[in-house]
């Protein structure tokens, strides 16, 4: 049996897109979980990363903590939070936020640190406050690296959001767990292909966004 062709046929079958366990509903949940995970991690990580990048304070501690967080097993975190908080979305959402934070933090503080020192010194010489230097010079110049951090976080979260089904939440992981339970490998492969498709869409979006936020002078210099 050609599992790949069968999985593509499963996806293209309109009958598999409707209902509570339909592809459309589960994909919408998966996208929502991913957006929440990356969005909430950005709300936490971007200001902290900008502050560390601008002041240089706590950088070593932040790098060490980020490395330790990257080493945490996501499934273990979901299990731990699930035992503490019960079934539902909250446990996997907390794990997704923790998973995304290191990439967001790295993108934020390295972006600020990469700002041209000449431009930063010129802003200070012009009388800008430290907040104005950060907001008007360092953050815009470091935006491509920040988006790169969000891009990495997005890919990680989209792939890991399948584990939300482990605690009874939705998403495309429902098809994977159901397929595993019933030995329906076509369903499992179809779910995997859909997750890959979402990851490719995310990659394309953030690649385009990186080009858009790149400062005009930098874009002009890199233009062929």
C-alpha atoms as a PDB file:
ATOM      1  CA  UNK A   1       0.000   0.000   0.000  1.00  0.00           C
ATOM      2  CA  UNK A   2       1.268   3.457  -0.912  1.00  0.00           C
ATOM      3  CA  UNK A   3       0.803   5.307   2.373  1.00  0.00           C
ATOM      4  CA  UNK A   4       1.842   8.681   0.964  1.00  0.00           C
ATOM      5  CA  UNK A   5      -0.735   8.568  -1.821  1.00  0.00           C
ATOM      6  CA  UNK A   6      -3.362   7.327   0.622  1.00  0.00           C
ATOM      7  CA  UNK A   7      -2.537  10.135   3.061  1.00  0.00           C
ATOM      8  CA  UNK A   8      -2.825  12.760   0.318  1.00  0.00           C
ATOM      9  CA  UNK A   9      -6.135  11.208  -0.689  1.00  0.00           C
ATOM     10  CA  UNK A  10      -7.268  11.402   2.939  1.00  0.00           C
ATOM     11  CA  UNK A  11      -6.470  15.111   3.017  1.00  0.00           C
ATOM     12  CA  UNK A  12      -8.201  15.810  -0.298  1.00  0.00           C
ATOM     13  CA  UNK A  13     -11.364  13.963   0.695  1.00  0.00           C
ATOM     14  CA  UNK A  14     -13.990  16.660   1.527  1.00  0.00           C
ATOM     15  CA  UNK A  15     -15.635  14.273   3.970  1.00  0.00           C
ATOM     16  CA  UNK A  16     -12.589  14.480   6.243  1.00  0.00           C
ATOM     17  CA  UNK A  17     -12.783  18.268   6.596  1.00  0.00           C
ATOM     18  CA  UNK A  18     -16.062  18.632   8.454  1.00  0.00           C
ATOM     19  CA  UNK A  19     -17.111  17.747  11.988  1.00  0.00           C
ATOM     20  CA  UNK A  20     -15.450  17.926  15.376  1.00  0.00           C
ATOM     21  CA  UNK A  21     -12.573  15.692  14.250  1.00  0.00           C
ATOM     22  CA  UNK A  22     -12.496  17.176  10.770  1.00  0.00           C
ATOM     23  CA  UNK A  23      -9.270  18.533   9.326  1.00  0.00           C
ATOM     24  CA  UNK A  24     -10.628  22.067   9.086  1.00  0.00           C
ATOM     25  CA  UNK A  25     -11.576  22.258  12.772  1.00  0.00           C
ATOM     26  CA  UNK A  26      -8.405  20.596  14.014  1.00  0.00           C
ATOM     27  CA  UNK A  27      -6.159  22.711  11.786  1.00  0.00           C
ATOM     28  CA  UNK A  28      -7.824  25.900  13.040  1.00  0.00           C
ATOM     29  CA  UNK A  29      -7.184  24.762  16.615  1.00  0.00           C
ATOM     30  CA  UNK A  30      -3.558  23.940  15.775  1.00  0.00           C
ATOM     31  CA  UNK A  31      -3.000  27.376  14.257  1.00  0.00           C
ATOM     32  CA  UNK A  32      -4.652  29.036  17.263  1.00  0.00           C
ATOM     33  CA  UNK A  33      -2.492  27.119  19.740  1.00  0.00           C
ATOM     34  CA  UNK A  34       0.641  28.008  17.759  1.00  0.00           C
ATOM     35  CA  UNK A  35      -0.275  31.694  17.578  1.00  0.00           C
ATOM     36  CA  UNK A  36      -1.007  31.781  21.299  1.00  0.00           C
ATOM     37  CA  UNK A  37       2.270  30.045  22.144  1.00  0.00           C
ATOM     38  CA  UNK A  38       4.435  32.321  20.003  1.00  0.00           C
ATOM     39  CA  UNK A  39       2.412  35.455  20.757  1.00  0.00           C
ATOM     40  CA  UNK A  40       2.512  35.080  24.545  1.00  0.00           C
ATOM     41  CA  UNK A  41       6.196  34.176  24.492  1.00  0.00           C
ATOM     42  CA  UNK A  42       6.817  37.327  22.418  1.00  0.00           C
ATOM     43  CA  UNK A  43       4.932  39.465  24.941  1.00  0.00           C
ATOM     44  CA  UNK A  44       7.180  38.098  27.684  1.00  0.00           C
ATOM     45  CA  UNK A  45      10.450  37.685  25.815  1.00  0.00           C
ATOM     46  CA  UNK A  46      10.709  40.734  23.566  1.00  0.00           C
ATOM     47  CA  UNK A  47      10.763  43.446  26.261  1.00  0.00           C
ATOM     48  CA  UNK A  48      13.147  41.396  28.404  1.00  0.00           C
ATOM     49  CA  UNK A  49      15.433  40.699  25.443  1.00  0.00           C
ATOM     50  CA  UNK A  50      15.440  44.345  24.387  1.00  0.00           C
ATOM     51  CA  UNK A  51      16.316  45.446  27.912  1.00  0.00           C
ATOM     52  CA  UNK A  52      19.168  42.947  28.176  1.00  0.00           C
ATOM     53  CA  UNK A  53      20.463  43.838  24.720  1.00  0.00           C
ATOM     54  CA  UNK A  54      20.372  47.574  25.446  1.00  0.00           C
ATOM     55  CA  UNK A  55      21.844  47.522  28.943  1.00  0.00           C
ATOM     56  CA  UNK A  56      24.005  44.405  28.726  1.00  0.00           C
ATOM     57  CA  UNK A  57      22.829  43.479  32.212  1.00  0.00           C
ATOM     58  CA  UNK A  58      22.032  39.859  32.963  1.00  0.00           C
ATOM     59  CA  UNK A  59      23.115  38.640  29.547  1.00  0.00           C
ATOM     60  CA  UNK A  60      25.146  35.724  30.887  1.00  0.00           C
ATOM     61  CA  UNK A  61      22.323  34.661  33.165  1.00  0.00           C
ATOM     62  CA  UNK A  62      19.807  34.943  30.337  1.00  0.00           C
ATOM     63  CA  UNK A  63      21.933  32.877  27.963  1.00  0.00           C
ATOM     64  CA  UNK A  64      22.456  30.194  30.609  1.00  0.00           C
ATOM     65  CA  UNK A  65      18.766  30.097  31.480  1.00  0.00           C
ATOM     66  CA  UNK A  66      17.797  29.906  27.793  1.00  0.00           C
ATOM     67  CA  UNK A  67      20.174  27.003  27.281  1.00  0.00           C
ATOM     68  CA  UNK A  68      18.708  25.188  30.273  1.00  0.00           C
ATOM     69  CA  UNK A  69      15.162  25.750  29.003  1.00  0.00           C
ATOM     70  CA  UNK A  70      16.082  24.368  25.569  1.00  0.00           C
ATOM     71  CA  UNK A  71      17.212  21.160  27.256  1.00  0.00           C
ATOM     72  CA  UNK A  72      13.857  20.580  28.953  1.00  0.00           C
ATOM     73  CA  UNK A  73      11.797  17.748  27.413  1.00  0.00           C
ATOM     74  CA  UNK A  74       8.549  19.251  26.136  1.00  0.00           C
ATOM     75  CA  UNK A  75       6.547  16.075  26.694  1.00  0.00           C
ATOM     76  CA  UNK A  76       7.802  15.968  30.269  1.00  0.00           C
ATOM     77  CA  UNK A  77       6.718  19.561  30.796  1.00  0.00           C
ATOM     78  CA  UNK A  78       3.272  18.868  29.381  1.00  0.00           C
ATOM     79  CA  UNK A  79       2.929  15.819  31.623  1.00  0.00           C
ATOM     80  CA  UNK A  80       4.038  17.800  34.674  1.00  0.00           C
ATOM     81  CA  UNK A  81       1.689  20.704  33.944  1.00  0.00           C
ATOM     82  CA  UNK A  82      -1.094  18.291  33.075  1.00  0.00           C
ATOM     83  CA  UNK A  83      -0.795  16.578  36.440  1.00  0.00           C
ATOM     84  CA  UNK A  84      -0.800  19.933  38.201  1.00  0.00           C
ATOM     85  CA  UNK A  85      -3.451  21.732  36.136  1.00  0.00           C
ATOM     86  CA  UNK A  86      -5.580  18.920  34.751  1.00  0.00           C
ATOM     87  CA  UNK A  87      -6.581  18.139  31.201  1.00  0.00           C
ATOM     88  CA  UNK A  88      -7.223  20.869  28.663  1.00  0.00           C
ATOM     89  CA  UNK A  89      -5.255  23.534  26.826  1.00  0.00           C
ATOM     90  CA  UNK A  90      -3.506  25.325  29.699  1.00  0.00           C
ATOM     91  CA  UNK A  91      -0.848  22.673  30.322  1.00  0.00           C
ATOM     92  CA  UNK A  92       0.381  22.355  26.716  1.00  0.00           C
ATOM     93  CA  UNK A  93       0.092  26.128  26.205  1.00  0.00           C
ATOM     94  CA  UNK A  94       2.458  26.782  29.105  1.00  0.00           C
ATOM     95  CA  UNK A  95       4.887  24.240  27.647  1.00  0.00           C
ATOM     96  CA  UNK A  96       4.701  25.903  24.217  1.00  0.00           C
ATOM     97  CA  UNK A  97       5.425  29.322  25.719  1.00  0.00           C
ATOM     98  CA  UNK A  98       8.463  27.942  27.550  1.00  0.00           C
ATOM     99  CA  UNK A  99       9.616  26.206  24.356  1.00  0.00           C
ATOM    100  CA  UNK A 100       9.363  29.403  22.300  1.00  0.00           C
ATOM    101  CA  UNK A 101      10.928  31.788  24.828  1.00  0.00           C
ATOM    102  CA  UNK A 102      14.639  31.041  24.193  1.00  0.00           C
ATOM    103  CA  UNK A 103      14.359  31.770  20.462  1.00  0.00           C
ATOM    104  CA  UNK A 104      12.356  34.958  21.045  1.00  0.00           C
ATOM    105  CA  UNK A 105      14.782  36.171  23.704  1.00  0.00           C
ATOM    106  CA  UNK A 106      17.797  35.425  21.513  1.00  0.00           C
ATOM    107  CA  UNK A 107      16.276  37.259  18.557  1.00  0.00           C
ATOM    108  CA  UNK A 108      15.405  40.278  20.702  1.00  0.00           C
ATOM    109  CA  UNK A 109      18.707  40.808  22.495  1.00  0.00           C
ATOM    110  CA  UNK A 110      20.995  39.906  19.595  1.00  0.00           C
ATOM    111  CA  UNK A 111      18.991  42.230  17.367  1.00  0.00           C
ATOM    112  CA  UNK A 112      19.537  45.152  19.727  1.00  0.00           C
ATOM    113  CA  UNK A 113      23.200  44.250  20.215  1.00  0.00           C
ATOM    114  CA  UNK A 114      23.735  44.132  16.447  1.00  0.00           C
ATOM    115  CA  UNK A 115      22.640  47.747  15.930  1.00  0.00           C
ATOM    116  CA  UNK A 116      25.322  49.882  14.286  1.00  0.00           C
ATOM    117  CA  UNK A 117      27.303  51.565  17.122  1.00  0.00           C
ATOM    118  CA  UNK A 118      27.786  54.650  14.963  1.00  0.00           C
ATOM    119  CA  UNK A 119      24.025  55.062  14.585  1.00  0.00           C
ATOM    120  CA  UNK A 120      23.513  54.512  18.321  1.00  0.00           C
ATOM    121  CA  UNK A 121      26.205  57.055  19.262  1.00  0.00           C
ATOM    122  CA  UNK A 122      24.763  59.551  16.783  1.00  0.00           C
ATOM    123  CA  UNK A 123      21.322  59.162  18.360  1.00  0.00           C
ATOM    124  CA  UNK A 124      22.740  59.827  21.811  1.00  0.00           C
ATOM    125  CA  UNK A 125      24.696  62.802  20.516  1.00  0.00           C
ATOM    126  CA  UNK A 126      21.464  64.181  19.064  1.00  0.00           C
ATOM    127  CA  UNK A 127      20.005  64.243  22.572  1.00  0.00           C
ATOM    128  CA  UNK A 128      17.838  61.147  22.488  1.00  0.00           C
ATOM    129  CA  UNK A 129      17.040  59.477  25.780  1.00  0.00           C
ATOM    130  CA  UNK A 130      18.035  55.863  26.326  1.00  0.00           C
ATOM    131  CA  UNK A 131      14.448  54.783  25.712  1.00  0.00           C
ATOM    132  CA  UNK A 132      14.362  56.739  22.446  1.00  0.00           C
ATOM    133  CA  UNK A 133      17.662  55.197  21.363  1.00  0.00           C
ATOM    134  CA  UNK A 134      16.228  51.750  22.005  1.00  0.00           C
ATOM    135  CA  UNK A 135      12.837  52.385  20.424  1.00  0.00           C
ATOM    136  CA  UNK A 136      13.904  54.480  17.421  1.00  0.00           C
ATOM    137  CA  UNK A 137      17.333  53.091  16.571  1.00  0.00           C
ATOM    138  CA  UNK A 138      18.237  49.747  18.109  1.00  0.00           C
ATOM    139  CA  UNK A 139      14.885  47.946  17.772  1.00  0.00           C
ATOM    140  CA  UNK A 140      14.298  48.956  14.103  1.00  0.00           C
ATOM    141  CA  UNK A 141      17.875  48.030  13.148  1.00  0.00           C
ATOM    142  CA  UNK A 142      17.591  44.702  14.982  1.00  0.00           C
ATOM    143  CA  UNK A 143      14.132  43.849  13.649  1.00  0.00           C
ATOM    144  CA  UNK A 144      15.355  41.229  11.116  1.00  0.00           C
ATOM    145  CA  UNK A 145      17.074  39.236  13.871  1.00  0.00           C
ATOM    146  CA  UNK A 146      14.005  39.523  16.074  1.00  0.00           C
ATOM    147  CA  UNK A 147      11.832  38.171  13.280  1.00  0.00           C
ATOM    148  CA  UNK A 148      14.382  35.388  12.838  1.00  0.00           C
ATOM    149  CA  UNK A 149      13.870  34.443  16.473  1.00  0.00           C
ATOM    150  CA  UNK A 150      10.100  34.456  16.013  1.00  0.00           C
ATOM    151  CA  UNK A 151      10.552  32.369  12.882  1.00  0.00           C
ATOM    152  CA  UNK A 152      12.499  29.718  14.774  1.00  0.00           C
ATOM    153  CA  UNK A 153      10.002  29.786  17.637  1.00  0.00           C
ATOM    154  CA  UNK A 154       7.104  29.400  15.213  1.00  0.00           C
ATOM    155  CA  UNK A 155       8.562  26.290  13.615  1.00  0.00           C
ATOM    156  CA  UNK A 156       9.242  24.698  16.994  1.00  0.00           C
ATOM    157  CA  UNK A 157       5.787  25.484  18.333  1.00  0.00           C
ATOM    158  CA  UNK A 158       3.922  24.299  15.229  1.00  0.00           C
ATOM    159  CA  UNK A 159       5.716  20.956  15.394  1.00  0.00           C
ATOM    160  CA  UNK A 160       5.264  20.577  19.154  1.00  0.00           C
ATOM    161  CA  UNK A 161       1.623  21.728  19.274  1.00  0.00           C
ATOM    162  CA  UNK A 162       0.682  18.204  18.187  1.00  0.00           C
ATOM    163  CA  UNK A 163       1.312  17.200  21.816  1.00  0.00           C
ATOM    164  CA  UNK A 164      -1.615  19.349  22.950  1.00  0.00           C
ATOM    165  CA  UNK A 165      -3.816  16.340  22.246  1.00  0.00           C
ATOM    166  CA  UNK A 166      -1.866  14.467  24.947  1.00  0.00           C
ATOM    167  CA  UNK A 167      -3.815  16.366  27.616  1.00  0.00           C
ATOM    168  CA  UNK A 168      -7.145  16.281  25.840  1.00  0.00           C
ATOM    169  CA  UNK A 169      -6.829  19.516  23.846  1.00  0.00           C
ATOM    170  CA  UNK A 170      -7.380  19.659  20.087  1.00  0.00           C
ATOM    171  CA  UNK A 171      -5.155  20.320  17.117  1.00  0.00           C
ATOM    172  CA  UNK A 172      -3.790  18.030  14.455  1.00  0.00           C
ATOM    173  CA  UNK A 173      -2.259  15.859  17.143  1.00  0.00           C
ATOM    174  CA  UNK A 174      -5.738  14.426  17.710  1.00  0.00           C
ATOM    175  CA  UNK A 175      -5.472  12.616  14.386  1.00  0.00           C
ATOM    176  CA  UNK A 176      -1.995  11.357  15.253  1.00  0.00           C
ATOM    177  CA  UNK A 177      -3.046   9.942  18.625  1.00  0.00           C
ATOM    178  CA  UNK A 178      -6.280   8.529  17.211  1.00  0.00           C
ATOM    179  CA  UNK A 179      -4.411   6.970  14.294  1.00  0.00           C
ATOM    180  CA  UNK A 180      -1.859   5.454  16.666  1.00  0.00           C
ATOM    181  CA  UNK A 181      -4.593   4.021  18.859  1.00  0.00           C
ATOM    182  CA  UNK A 182      -6.486   2.487  15.925  1.00  0.00           C
ATOM    183  CA  UNK A 183      -3.358   1.647  13.881  1.00  0.00           C
ATOM    184  CA  UNK A 184      -4.612   3.919  11.124  1.00  0.00           C
ATOM    185  CA  UNK A 185      -1.232   4.898   9.692  1.00  0.00           C
ATOM    186  CA  UNK A 186      -2.777   6.779   6.790  1.00  0.00           C
ATOM    187  CA  UNK A 187      -4.497   9.126   9.246  1.00  0.00           C
ATOM    188  CA  UNK A 188      -1.239   9.598  11.150  1.00  0.00           C
ATOM    189  CA  UNK A 189       0.714  10.377   7.987  1.00  0.00           C
ATOM    190  CA  UNK A 190      -1.988  12.765   6.770  1.00  0.00           C
ATOM    191  CA  UNK A 191      -1.784  14.635  10.068  1.00  0.00           C
ATOM    192  CA  UNK A 192       2.008  14.811   9.778  1.00  0.00           C
ATOM    193  CA  UNK A 193       1.768  16.206   6.250  1.00  0.00           C
ATOM    194  CA  UNK A 194      -0.643  18.890   7.422  1.00  0.00           C
ATOM    195  CA  UNK A 195       1.723  19.914  10.219  1.00  0.00           C
ATOM    196  CA  UNK A 196       4.576  20.094   7.698  1.00  0.00           C
ATOM    197  CA  UNK A 197       2.408  22.263   5.447  1.00  0.00           C
ATOM    198  CA  UNK A 198       1.702  24.657   8.328  1.00  0.00           C
ATOM    199  CA  UNK A 199       5.419  24.816   9.113  1.00  0.00           C
ATOM    200  CA  UNK A 200       6.218  25.673   5.483  1.00  0.00           C
ATOM    201  CA  UNK A 201       3.582  28.417   5.463  1.00  0.00           C
ATOM    202  CA  UNK A 202       5.054  29.833   8.686  1.00  0.00           C
ATOM    203  CA  UNK A 203       8.557  29.707   7.215  1.00  0.00           C
ATOM    204  CA  UNK A 204       7.442  31.540   4.070  1.00  0.00           C
ATOM    205  CA  UNK A 205       5.596  34.191   6.090  1.00  0.00           C
ATOM    206  CA  UNK A 206       8.499  34.994   8.394  1.00  0.00           C
ATOM    207  CA  UNK A 207      10.998  34.933   5.513  1.00  0.00           C
ATOM    208  CA  UNK A 208       8.927  37.570   3.751  1.00  0.00           C
ATOM    209  CA  UNK A 209       8.503  39.539   6.987  1.00  0.00           C
ATOM    210  CA  UNK A 210      12.267  39.573   7.530  1.00  0.00           C
ATOM    211  CA  UNK A 211      12.708  41.219   4.147  1.00  0.00           C
ATOM    212  CA  UNK A 212       9.991  43.767   4.880  1.00  0.00           C
ATOM    213  CA  UNK A 213      11.382  44.853   8.255  1.00  0.00           C
ATOM    214  CA  UNK A 214      14.974  45.059   7.063  1.00  0.00           C
ATOM    215  CA  UNK A 215      16.026  48.740   7.167  1.00  0.00           C
ATOM    216  CA  UNK A 216      15.883  50.424   3.769  1.00  0.00           C
ATOM    217  CA  UNK A 217      19.580  51.286   3.726  1.00  0.00           C
ATOM    218  CA  UNK A 218      20.517  47.679   4.437  1.00  0.00           C
ATOM    219  CA  UNK A 219      18.148  46.414   1.733  1.00  0.00           C
ATOM    220  CA  UNK A 220      19.640  48.862  -0.744  1.00  0.00           C
ATOM    221  CA  UNK A 221      23.191  47.748   0.020  1.00  0.00           C
ATOM    222  CA  UNK A 222      22.266  44.081  -0.381  1.00  0.00           C
ATOM    223  CA  UNK A 223      20.296  44.593  -3.557  1.00  0.00           C
ATOM    224  CA  UNK A 224      22.046  43.022  -6.596  1.00  0.00           C
END
